[in-house]
Amino acid sequence: MQTIATSVDDSFERMRARLEAEKARPHHAINPYFYRSHLVHEQELEHLIFKSWIYALHASEIPNTGDYQLLEIGEDSIIVVRTEDGDIKAMHNVCRHRGARVCEATQGNRKTYVCPYHGWVYHIDGSLKVARETHVMPDFDSAQHGLKPVNCVTYMGLVFINCDLNAGDLTASLDQIKAQLGAYDLDHAKVAHRKTYRVDANWKLAIENYLECYHCATSHRSYARAHTLKDLEEKSAPVVAKMLERADEITGIPGISKEHTTIYLDAPSFGSCAHAMRYGLFDGYVTGTQDGRPAAPLMGDIQDYDGGVGDFQLGPLSFMLNYPDHCVLYRFLPKSLTETDMELVWLVRGDAVEGTDYDLERLTWLWHHTTLEDEYIITRNAAGVNSRFFEPGPYHPEFEFTLTQFIHWYLHTLEASIA
């Protein structure tokens, strides 16, 4: 864990002054204050992170009644469980009596949740089953003391949570990219591998790194050899145009080439970002492996390799790169002011067999190594922006355009939280 010095006299007045100063320098990287302030971090969690739709897991990971996984965000823990009626629900992992966690193992199967402190027992859907000796409390109402619910939506097998019970409609937002995302039949996919990379950096630095490919040519040589996103549009346009012209026909998926972007301030409701586009792979590469050759059976109803890769955003913190034969999902979660968890999930066809239909090392090589490279540059970035002598520079108008959108949304949200 990285240790940094923070101001002991931080205040909302200081935060307002910093936000006003950012308005005077649009299209520039933000001041180190926003990466160092504990007050800012708490505002982010309360008004941005816990009000956004966040990918939790794939439905296939909890197939049976009582199967669950914990989702850890900052200091909070959320239970995501398959209930007796077959639905997937989410709830806060906090006993309604004195606050002890009722579930410790990060995943498993439970028939009940039992508080280890005073023995309150909850059904797997979170409702209170037994509270010891409360018969002497005439006003005690069990129905009012279940585990607090968390908004939960399953879309094409992808499970999302939102701690804001009044959150906007994520399904309606994702329906705008239904044709593109549906090509991979994620409902019937399975998780081939998942891995969490702990990065000693503020969560925004990890997100910012993902949202731009200005660094790709210099930091990700293996990725850059195959993917046109590392070039300016003036260079990549011919390759991409050729791919898009035939993508629907070759893949057999009408609309797979269509672009749609409603993210950040343009999202129909807070935290319900939806983005889909298809960009090209260079000749000789058809998928995201070290050598560019197929790694697994084609996903869904895709008929053939079109020389393209689907780029998706699902909420503010979750992203996908979908190749014709496998998909890679990225999720970013803040753990503390100076720590971020980057989780990668590799998905393949549900009927694909490891060792027969795909080799796990070949499947995961490119994005495992790319993420290790990202970890290296993000931690160096963190060390630099934490310097009191760092002076933020201008964003690149093309390579860092999406990053600029994120920063505008971030500053707008922070300002609104203290208005």
Protein backbone atom coordinates (compact mmCIF):
# COMPACT_ATOMS: atom_id res chain seq x y z
CA MET A 1 0.00 0.00 0.00
CA GLN A 2 1.31 3.41 -0.97
CA THR A 3 1.48 6.00 1.82
CA ILE A 4 1.05 9.67 0.99
CA ALA A 5 0.84 12.82 3.09
CA THR A 6 -2.59 14.48 3.11
CA SER A 7 -3.70 17.87 4.27
CA VAL A 8 -4.93 18.10 7.87
CA ASP A 9 -6.91 21.28 7.13
CA ASP A 10 -8.84 20.00 4.10
CA SER A 11 -12.38 21.36 3.80
CA PHE A 12 -15.32 21.74 1.45
CA GLU A 13 -14.24 25.34 0.93
CA ARG A 14 -10.88 24.14 -0.33
CA MET A 15 -12.58 21.58 -2.54
CA ARG A 16 -14.82 24.27 -4.07
CA ALA A 17 -11.79 26.45 -4.77
CA ARG A 18 -10.01 23.56 -6.51
CA LEU A 19 -13.09 22.81 -8.60
CA GLU A 20 -13.34 26.46 -9.66
CA ALA A 21 -9.67 26.42 -10.62
CA GLU A 22 -10.27 23.41 -12.89
CA LYS A 23 -12.86 25.40 -14.86
CA ALA A 24 -10.17 27.90 -15.75
CA ARG A 25 -8.03 25.12 -17.29
CA PRO A 26 -10.40 22.95 -19.38
CA HIS A 27 -9.02 19.99 -21.32
CA HIS A 28 -6.11 19.62 -18.91
CA ALA A 29 -5.21 16.87 -16.47
CA ILE A 30 -6.59 17.54 -13.00
CA ASN A 31 -4.76 18.88 -9.97
CA PRO A 32 -3.01 16.39 -7.62
CA TYR A 33 -5.46 17.47 -4.91
CA PHE A 34 -8.13 15.20 -6.38
CA TYR A 35 -5.88 12.14 -5.97
CA ARG A 36 -4.64 12.99 -2.46
CA SER A 37 -7.65 14.31 -0.52
CA HIS A 38 -9.42 11.97 1.90
CA LEU A 39 -12.40 14.32 1.82
CA VAL A 40 -12.60 14.03 -1.97
CA HIS A 41 -12.35 10.24 -1.69
CA GLU A 42 -15.32 10.07 0.68
CA GLN A 43 -17.38 12.31 -1.63
CA GLU A 44 -16.51 10.05 -4.56
CA LEU A 45 -17.65 6.93 -2.76
CA GLU A 46 -20.89 8.47 -1.52
CA HIS A 47 -21.96 10.38 -4.62
CA LEU A 48 -20.28 8.64 -7.53
CA ILE A 49 -19.15 5.04 -6.89
CA PHE A 50 -22.14 3.89 -4.84
CA LYS A 51 -24.60 5.58 -7.20
CA SER A 52 -23.18 3.93 -10.33
CA TRP A 53 -23.99 0.60 -11.96
CA ILE A 54 -21.08 -1.77 -11.36
CA TYR A 55 -20.44 -5.23 -12.81
CA ALA A 56 -20.54 -7.82 -10.02
CA LEU A 57 -20.24 -11.28 -11.61
CA HIS A 58 -21.45 -13.57 -14.38
CA ALA A 59 -24.66 -15.44 -13.63
CA SER A 60 -22.99 -18.77 -14.40
CA GLU A 61 -20.73 -18.31 -11.36
CA ILE A 62 -23.66 -18.75 -8.95
CA PRO A 63 -25.84 -21.36 -10.70
CA ASN A 64 -27.47 -23.00 -7.64
CA THR A 65 -29.80 -21.82 -4.91
CA GLY A 66 -27.69 -20.34 -2.11
CA ASP A 67 -24.60 -19.79 -4.26
CA TYR A 68 -23.10 -16.36 -3.55
CA GLN A 69 -20.09 -14.13 -4.05
CA LEU A 70 -18.98 -11.08 -2.10
CA LEU A 71 -18.22 -7.81 -3.88
CA GLU A 72 -15.79 -5.61 -1.93
CA ILE A 73 -15.81 -1.87 -2.66
CA GLY A 74 -13.73 0.36 -0.41
CA GLU A 75 -14.62 -0.65 3.14
CA ASP A 76 -17.98 -2.08 2.13
CA SER A 77 -19.07 -5.63 1.33
CA ILE A 78 -22.06 -6.69 -0.78
CA ILE A 79 -23.53 -10.19 -1.02
CA VAL A 80 -24.70 -11.27 -4.49
CA VAL A 81 -26.74 -14.49 -4.22
CA ARG A 82 -28.97 -16.89 -6.17
CA THR A 83 -32.23 -17.08 -4.19
CA GLU A 84 -34.79 -19.88 -3.91
CA ASP A 85 -36.92 -18.45 -6.71
CA GLY A 86 -33.92 -18.57 -9.08
CA ASP A 87 -33.39 -14.81 -9.15
CA ILE A 88 -30.10 -13.09 -8.36
CA LYS A 89 -30.29 -10.51 -5.62
CA ALA A 90 -27.82 -8.32 -3.74
CA MET A 91 -27.69 -6.99 -0.19
CA HIS A 92 -25.30 -5.27 2.19
CA ASN A 93 -23.15 -7.64 4.25
CA VAL A 94 -24.00 -5.85 7.50
CA CYS A 95 -26.10 -7.24 10.35
CA ARG A 96 -29.07 -5.01 11.20
CA HIS A 97 -28.40 -5.32 14.93
CA ARG A 98 -24.88 -4.06 15.69
CA GLY A 99 -23.30 -4.15 12.24
CA ALA A 100 -21.13 -7.28 12.18
CA ARG A 101 -20.58 -8.92 8.79
CA VAL A 102 -22.81 -11.95 8.40
CA CYS A 103 -20.74 -13.57 5.66
CA GLU A 104 -16.96 -13.98 5.69
CA ALA A 105 -15.91 -16.32 2.85
CA THR A 106 -15.64 -14.51 -0.48
CA GLN A 107 -17.78 -17.15 -2.22
CA GLY A 108 -19.64 -20.36 -1.46
CA ASN A 109 -23.12 -21.71 -0.77
CA ARG A 110 -25.27 -20.87 2.24
CA LYS A 111 -28.72 -21.81 3.47
CA THR A 112 -28.74 -18.89 5.89
CA TYR A 113 -26.50 -16.04 6.99
CA VAL A 114 -25.74 -16.09 10.71
CA CYS A 115 -24.29 -13.10 12.51
CA PRO A 116 -21.26 -14.35 14.49
CA TYR A 117 -21.80 -11.70 17.16
CA HIS A 118 -25.31 -12.14 18.60
CA GLY A 119 -26.66 -14.93 16.43
CA TRP A 120 -29.25 -13.16 14.30
CA VAL A 121 -30.14 -15.42 11.36
CA TYR A 122 -31.11 -14.27 7.88
CA HIS A 123 -32.65 -16.16 4.95
CA ILE A 124 -30.56 -16.21 1.76
CA ASP A 125 -32.77 -13.45 0.31
CA GLY A 126 -31.76 -11.23 3.23
CA SER A 127 -35.01 -11.34 5.19
CA LEU A 128 -34.65 -11.85 8.94
CA LYS A 129 -35.42 -15.41 10.07
CA VAL A 130 -34.57 -15.34 13.78
CA ALA A 131 -33.43 -12.66 16.22
CA ARG A 132 -32.61 -14.18 19.59
CA GLU A 133 -34.75 -13.31 22.62
CA THR A 134 -36.57 -10.46 20.88
CA HIS A 135 -39.89 -11.86 22.15
CA VAL A 136 -39.43 -9.52 25.14
CA MET A 137 -39.40 -6.53 22.74
CA PRO A 138 -43.11 -5.95 21.93
CA ASP A 139 -42.40 -3.38 19.20
CA PHE A 140 -39.78 -5.44 17.38
CA ASP A 141 -40.80 -6.10 13.74
CA SER A 142 -38.75 -8.77 11.96
CA ALA A 143 -39.91 -7.52 8.56
CA GLN A 144 -38.17 -4.20 9.18
CA HIS A 145 -34.79 -5.71 10.03
CA GLY A 146 -33.71 -7.69 7.00
CA LEU A 147 -30.34 -7.08 5.39
CA LYS A 148 -30.46 -3.82 3.45
CA PRO A 149 -31.11 -4.46 -0.25
CA VAL A 150 -28.90 -3.38 -3.13
CA ASN A 151 -30.24 -2.70 -6.62
CA CYS A 152 -29.40 -5.69 -8.82
CA VAL A 153 -29.93 -6.25 -12.56
CA THR A 154 -28.95 -9.21 -14.74
CA TYR A 155 -28.43 -8.38 -18.42
CA MET A 156 -27.34 -11.08 -20.87
CA GLY A 157 -25.80 -13.05 -18.02
CA LEU A 158 -23.89 -10.03 -16.67
CA VAL A 159 -24.93 -9.08 -13.12
CA PHE A 160 -24.73 -5.41 -12.10
CA ILE A 161 -25.34 -3.77 -8.73
CA ASN A 162 -26.10 -0.21 -7.65
CA CYS A 163 -26.35 0.88 -4.02
CA ASP A 164 -28.75 3.69 -4.98
CA LEU A 165 -32.22 2.17 -4.73
CA ASN A 166 -33.52 5.03 -6.88
CA ALA A 167 -30.97 4.47 -9.65
CA GLY A 168 -31.95 4.92 -13.29
CA ASP A 169 -32.82 2.08 -15.65
CA LEU A 170 -29.64 0.30 -16.72
CA THR A 171 -31.52 -2.21 -18.88
CA ALA A 172 -33.02 0.53 -21.03
CA SER A 173 -29.56 2.00 -21.53
CA LEU A 174 -27.92 -1.31 -22.46
CA ASP A 175 -30.79 -2.14 -24.82
CA GLN A 176 -29.31 0.53 -27.09
CA ILE A 177 -26.34 -1.79 -27.71
CA LYS A 178 -28.33 -5.03 -27.65
CA ALA A 179 -27.45 -6.09 -31.21
CA GLN A 180 -23.71 -5.57 -30.75
CA LEU A 181 -23.45 -7.13 -27.28
CA GLY A 182 -25.94 -9.87 -28.08
CA ALA A 183 -23.68 -11.23 -30.82
CA TYR A 184 -21.59 -13.01 -28.17
CA ASP A 185 -24.52 -14.80 -26.46
CA LEU A 186 -23.15 -13.92 -23.04
CA ASP A 187 -26.19 -15.54 -21.42
CA HIS A 188 -24.71 -18.90 -22.37
CA ALA A 189 -21.03 -18.03 -21.92
CA LYS A 190 -18.88 -19.09 -19.00
CA VAL A 191 -15.98 -17.63 -17.05
CA ALA A 192 -12.76 -19.29 -18.20
CA HIS A 193 -10.59 -17.29 -15.81
CA ARG A 194 -10.70 -14.24 -13.56
CA LYS A 195 -7.89 -12.42 -11.83
CA THR A 196 -7.67 -9.34 -9.62
CA TYR A 197 -4.65 -7.04 -9.92
CA ARG A 198 -4.13 -4.76 -6.88
CA VAL A 199 -2.58 -1.48 -8.02
CA ASP A 200 -1.03 1.04 -5.63
CA ALA A 201 -2.75 4.04 -7.17
CA ASN A 202 -5.90 6.10 -6.85
CA TRP A 203 -8.81 4.53 -8.77
CA LYS A 204 -9.10 7.48 -11.17
CA LEU A 205 -5.56 6.91 -12.45
CA ALA A 206 -6.47 3.33 -13.35
CA ILE A 207 -9.66 4.41 -15.15
CA GLU A 208 -7.87 7.26 -16.92
CA ASN A 209 -5.24 4.84 -18.19
CA TYR A 210 -7.89 2.51 -19.61
CA LEU A 211 -9.77 5.33 -21.35
CA GLU A 212 -6.89 6.41 -23.57
CA CYS A 213 -4.60 4.64 -26.00
CA TYR A 214 -2.04 7.43 -26.27
CA HIS A 215 0.25 5.16 -24.24
CA CYS A 216 -0.44 1.97 -26.22
CA ALA A 217 2.29 2.30 -28.85
CA THR A 218 5.01 2.87 -26.25
CA SER A 219 3.76 0.79 -23.30
CA HIS A 220 1.98 -2.17 -24.92
CA ARG A 221 4.07 -3.49 -27.79
CA SER A 222 2.21 -6.81 -28.16
CA TYR A 223 -1.19 -5.09 -28.10
CA ALA A 224 -0.02 -2.39 -30.51
CA ARG A 225 1.14 -4.90 -33.12
CA ALA A 226 -2.44 -6.14 -33.55
CA HIS A 227 -4.86 -3.33 -32.66
CA THR A 228 -5.53 -0.23 -34.76
CA LEU A 229 -6.66 1.78 -31.72
CA LYS A 230 -3.02 2.64 -31.01
CA ASP A 231 -2.96 4.86 -34.16
CA LEU A 232 -4.55 8.18 -35.01
CA GLU A 233 -7.72 7.88 -37.07
CA GLU A 234 -5.94 9.31 -40.11
CA LYS A 235 -3.70 6.22 -40.10
CA SER A 236 -6.18 3.54 -39.00
CA ALA A 237 -9.22 4.68 -41.01
CA PRO A 238 -8.58 2.54 -44.14
CA VAL A 239 -8.15 -0.67 -42.12
CA VAL A 240 -11.18 0.04 -39.92
CA ALA A 241 -13.41 1.08 -42.84
CA LYS A 242 -12.60 -2.10 -44.74
CA MET A 243 -13.44 -4.21 -41.69
CA LEU A 244 -16.70 -2.36 -40.91
CA GLU A 245 -17.88 -2.60 -44.49
CA ARG A 246 -18.01 -6.40 -44.28
CA ALA A 247 -18.36 -7.05 -40.53
CA ASP A 248 -22.11 -7.75 -40.53
CA GLU A 249 -21.84 -10.09 -43.51
CA ILE A 250 -18.78 -12.04 -42.34
CA THR A 251 -19.91 -12.46 -38.73
CA GLY A 252 -23.52 -13.08 -39.74
CA ILE A 253 -24.67 -10.60 -37.07
CA PRO A 254 -26.75 -7.66 -38.40
CA GLY A 255 -25.77 -4.48 -36.55
CA ILE A 256 -22.53 -5.74 -35.01
CA SER A 257 -20.71 -2.88 -36.76
CA LYS A 258 -23.05 -0.15 -35.48
CA GLU A 259 -21.60 2.44 -33.11
CA HIS A 260 -23.47 3.83 -30.11
CA THR A 261 -22.14 6.01 -27.29
CA THR A 262 -24.10 7.51 -24.38
CA ILE A 263 -21.58 7.75 -21.56
CA TYR A 264 -20.91 9.93 -18.53
CA LEU A 265 -22.77 13.26 -18.87
CA ASP A 266 -24.59 11.94 -21.95
CA ALA A 267 -25.88 8.80 -20.20
CA PRO A 268 -29.69 8.68 -19.90
CA SER A 269 -29.39 8.37 -16.10
CA PHE A 270 -26.53 8.66 -13.65
CA GLY A 271 -24.03 5.83 -13.90
CA SER A 272 -25.85 4.00 -16.73
CA CYS A 273 -23.21 4.42 -19.44
CA ALA A 274 -23.56 2.34 -22.61
CA HIS A 275 -21.03 2.27 -25.44
CA ALA A 276 -20.36 -0.02 -28.37
CA MET A 277 -18.02 0.35 -31.32
CA ARG A 278 -15.95 -1.98 -33.46
CA TYR A 279 -12.36 -1.25 -34.35
CA GLY A 280 -9.91 -3.12 -36.51
CA LEU A 281 -7.11 -5.61 -36.13
CA PHE A 282 -4.14 -5.48 -38.47
CA ASP A 283 -3.70 -8.10 -41.19
CA GLY A 284 -2.56 -11.43 -39.81
CA TYR A 285 -4.45 -10.97 -36.52
CA VAL A 286 -8.00 -12.18 -35.98
CA THR A 287 -8.23 -12.21 -32.18
CA GLY A 288 -6.56 -11.05 -28.96
CA THR A 289 -3.80 -13.59 -28.51
CA GLN A 290 -0.03 -13.29 -28.57
CA ASP A 291 0.13 -14.43 -32.21
CA GLY A 292 -3.33 -13.23 -33.26
CA ARG A 293 -4.55 -16.71 -34.12
CA PRO A 294 -7.83 -18.21 -32.78
CA ALA A 295 -7.85 -19.26 -29.15
CA ALA A 296 -11.31 -20.76 -28.62
CA PRO A 297 -14.56 -21.64 -30.44
CA LEU A 298 -16.45 -18.70 -31.93
CA MET A 299 -18.81 -16.98 -29.48
CA GLY A 300 -22.59 -17.07 -29.85
CA ASP A 301 -23.87 -17.04 -33.42
CA ILE A 302 -20.74 -15.45 -34.90
CA GLN A 303 -19.90 -17.29 -38.11
CA ASP A 304 -16.37 -16.14 -38.84
CA TYR A 305 -13.54 -13.74 -37.95
CA ASP A 306 -14.05 -10.29 -39.49
CA GLY A 307 -10.75 -8.72 -38.40
CA GLY A 308 -12.50 -6.65 -35.76
CA VAL A 309 -12.97 -6.42 -32.01
CA GLY A 310 -15.96 -5.04 -30.11
CA ASP A 311 -15.25 -2.25 -27.63
CA PHE A 312 -17.90 -1.82 -24.91
CA GLN A 313 -18.57 0.27 -21.83
CA LEU A 314 -21.20 -0.91 -19.32
CA GLY A 315 -21.58 1.71 -16.60
CA PRO A 316 -18.75 4.04 -15.52
CA LEU A 317 -16.36 1.38 -14.15
CA SER A 318 -16.86 -1.69 -16.35
CA PHE A 319 -15.60 -2.33 -19.88
CA MET A 320 -15.35 -5.21 -22.36
CA LEU A 321 -13.16 -6.13 -25.32
CA ASN A 322 -15.03 -8.78 -27.27
CA TYR A 323 -13.17 -10.81 -29.85
CA PRO A 324 -15.07 -13.28 -32.05
CA ASP A 325 -13.79 -16.22 -29.97
CA HIS A 326 -13.58 -14.80 -26.43
CA CYS A 327 -14.42 -11.72 -24.37
CA VAL A 328 -12.35 -9.85 -21.81
CA LEU A 329 -14.13 -7.81 -19.14
CA TYR A 330 -12.38 -5.11 -17.10
CA ARG A 331 -13.73 -3.72 -13.82
CA PHE A 332 -12.14 -1.03 -11.64
CA LEU A 333 -12.97 -0.73 -7.92
CA PRO A 334 -11.47 1.67 -5.37
CA LYS A 335 -10.12 -0.07 -2.28
CA SER A 336 -8.70 2.99 -0.56
CA LEU A 337 -7.41 6.43 -1.46
CA THR A 338 -4.23 4.85 -2.82
CA GLU A 339 -5.34 1.36 -3.88
CA THR A 340 -7.41 0.06 -6.77
CA ASP A 341 -8.51 -3.43 -7.75
CA MET A 342 -8.50 -4.10 -11.49
CA GLU A 343 -10.40 -7.32 -12.13
CA LEU A 344 -10.18 -9.12 -15.47
CA VAL A 345 -12.68 -11.76 -16.52
CA TRP A 346 -12.12 -13.96 -19.58
CA LEU A 347 -15.33 -15.44 -21.05
CA VAL A 348 -15.72 -18.24 -23.60
CA ARG A 349 -18.60 -20.26 -25.00
CA GLY A 350 -20.45 -22.14 -22.29
CA ASP A 351 -19.82 -25.48 -23.95
CA ALA A 352 -16.09 -24.89 -24.56
CA VAL A 353 -13.85 -27.35 -22.69
CA GLU A 354 -10.50 -26.23 -21.29
CA GLY A 355 -7.63 -28.30 -22.66
CA THR A 356 -9.72 -29.45 -25.60
CA ASP A 357 -11.31 -26.33 -27.10
CA TYR A 358 -8.95 -23.75 -25.62
CA ASP A 359 -5.65 -23.46 -23.82
CA LEU A 360 -6.01 -21.14 -20.83
CA GLU A 361 -2.49 -19.71 -21.03
CA ARG A 362 -2.90 -18.81 -24.72
CA LEU A 363 -6.34 -17.36 -24.04
CA THR A 364 -5.19 -15.08 -21.21
CA TRP A 365 -1.62 -14.23 -22.28
CA LEU A 366 -2.20 -10.92 -24.06
CA TRP A 367 -4.38 -9.18 -21.51
CA HIS A 368 -2.56 -10.61 -18.50
CA HIS A 369 0.73 -9.19 -19.77
CA THR A 370 -0.92 -5.95 -20.92
CA THR A 371 -2.38 -5.50 -17.44
CA LEU A 372 1.00 -6.08 -15.81
CA GLU A 373 2.37 -3.35 -18.09
CA ASP A 374 -0.55 -1.12 -17.07
CA GLU A 375 0.19 -1.77 -13.40
CA TYR A 376 3.76 -0.61 -13.96
CA ILE A 377 2.84 2.64 -15.71
CA ILE A 378 -0.09 3.45 -13.42
CA THR A 379 2.04 3.17 -10.27
CA ARG A 380 4.67 5.43 -11.87
CA ASN A 381 1.91 7.83 -12.80
CA ALA A 382 0.68 7.79 -9.19
CA ALA A 383 4.15 8.59 -7.88
CA GLY A 384 4.40 11.52 -10.27
CA VAL A 385 0.99 13.11 -9.72
CA ASN A 386 1.50 12.90 -5.96
CA SER A 387 4.46 15.25 -6.30
CA ARG A 388 3.79 18.75 -5.05
CA PHE A 389 5.65 19.98 -8.13
CA PHE A 390 3.40 18.26 -10.71
CA GLU A 391 1.80 20.75 -13.12
CA PRO A 392 -1.02 19.14 -15.16
CA GLY A 393 -0.61 19.26 -18.93
CA PRO A 394 -3.15 19.31 -21.80
CA TYR A 395 -5.08 16.27 -22.97
CA HIS A 396 -4.55 14.99 -26.50
CA PRO A 397 -7.70 15.97 -28.46
CA GLU A 398 -8.11 12.56 -30.14
CA PHE A 399 -6.31 9.92 -28.09
CA GLU A 400 -7.61 11.29 -24.78
CA PHE A 401 -11.08 12.43 -25.87
CA THR A 402 -12.98 9.81 -23.85
CA LEU A 403 -10.75 10.51 -20.87
CA THR A 404 -11.77 14.16 -21.14
CA GLN A 405 -15.45 13.12 -21.04
CA PHE A 406 -14.80 11.11 -17.87
CA ILE A 407 -13.05 14.03 -16.18
CA HIS A 408 -15.87 16.46 -17.09
CA TRP A 409 -18.40 14.04 -15.59
CA TYR A 410 -16.25 13.47 -12.53
CA LEU A 411 -15.78 17.17 -11.77
CA HIS A 412 -19.44 17.91 -12.47
CA THR A 413 -20.51 15.14 -10.07
CA LEU A 414 -18.12 16.28 -7.36
CA GLU A 415 -19.28 19.89 -7.68
CA ALA A 416 -22.94 18.87 -7.52
CA SER A 417 -22.27 16.85 -4.35
CA ILE A 418 -21.22 19.96 -2.43
CA ALA A 419 -23.49 22.50 -4.11
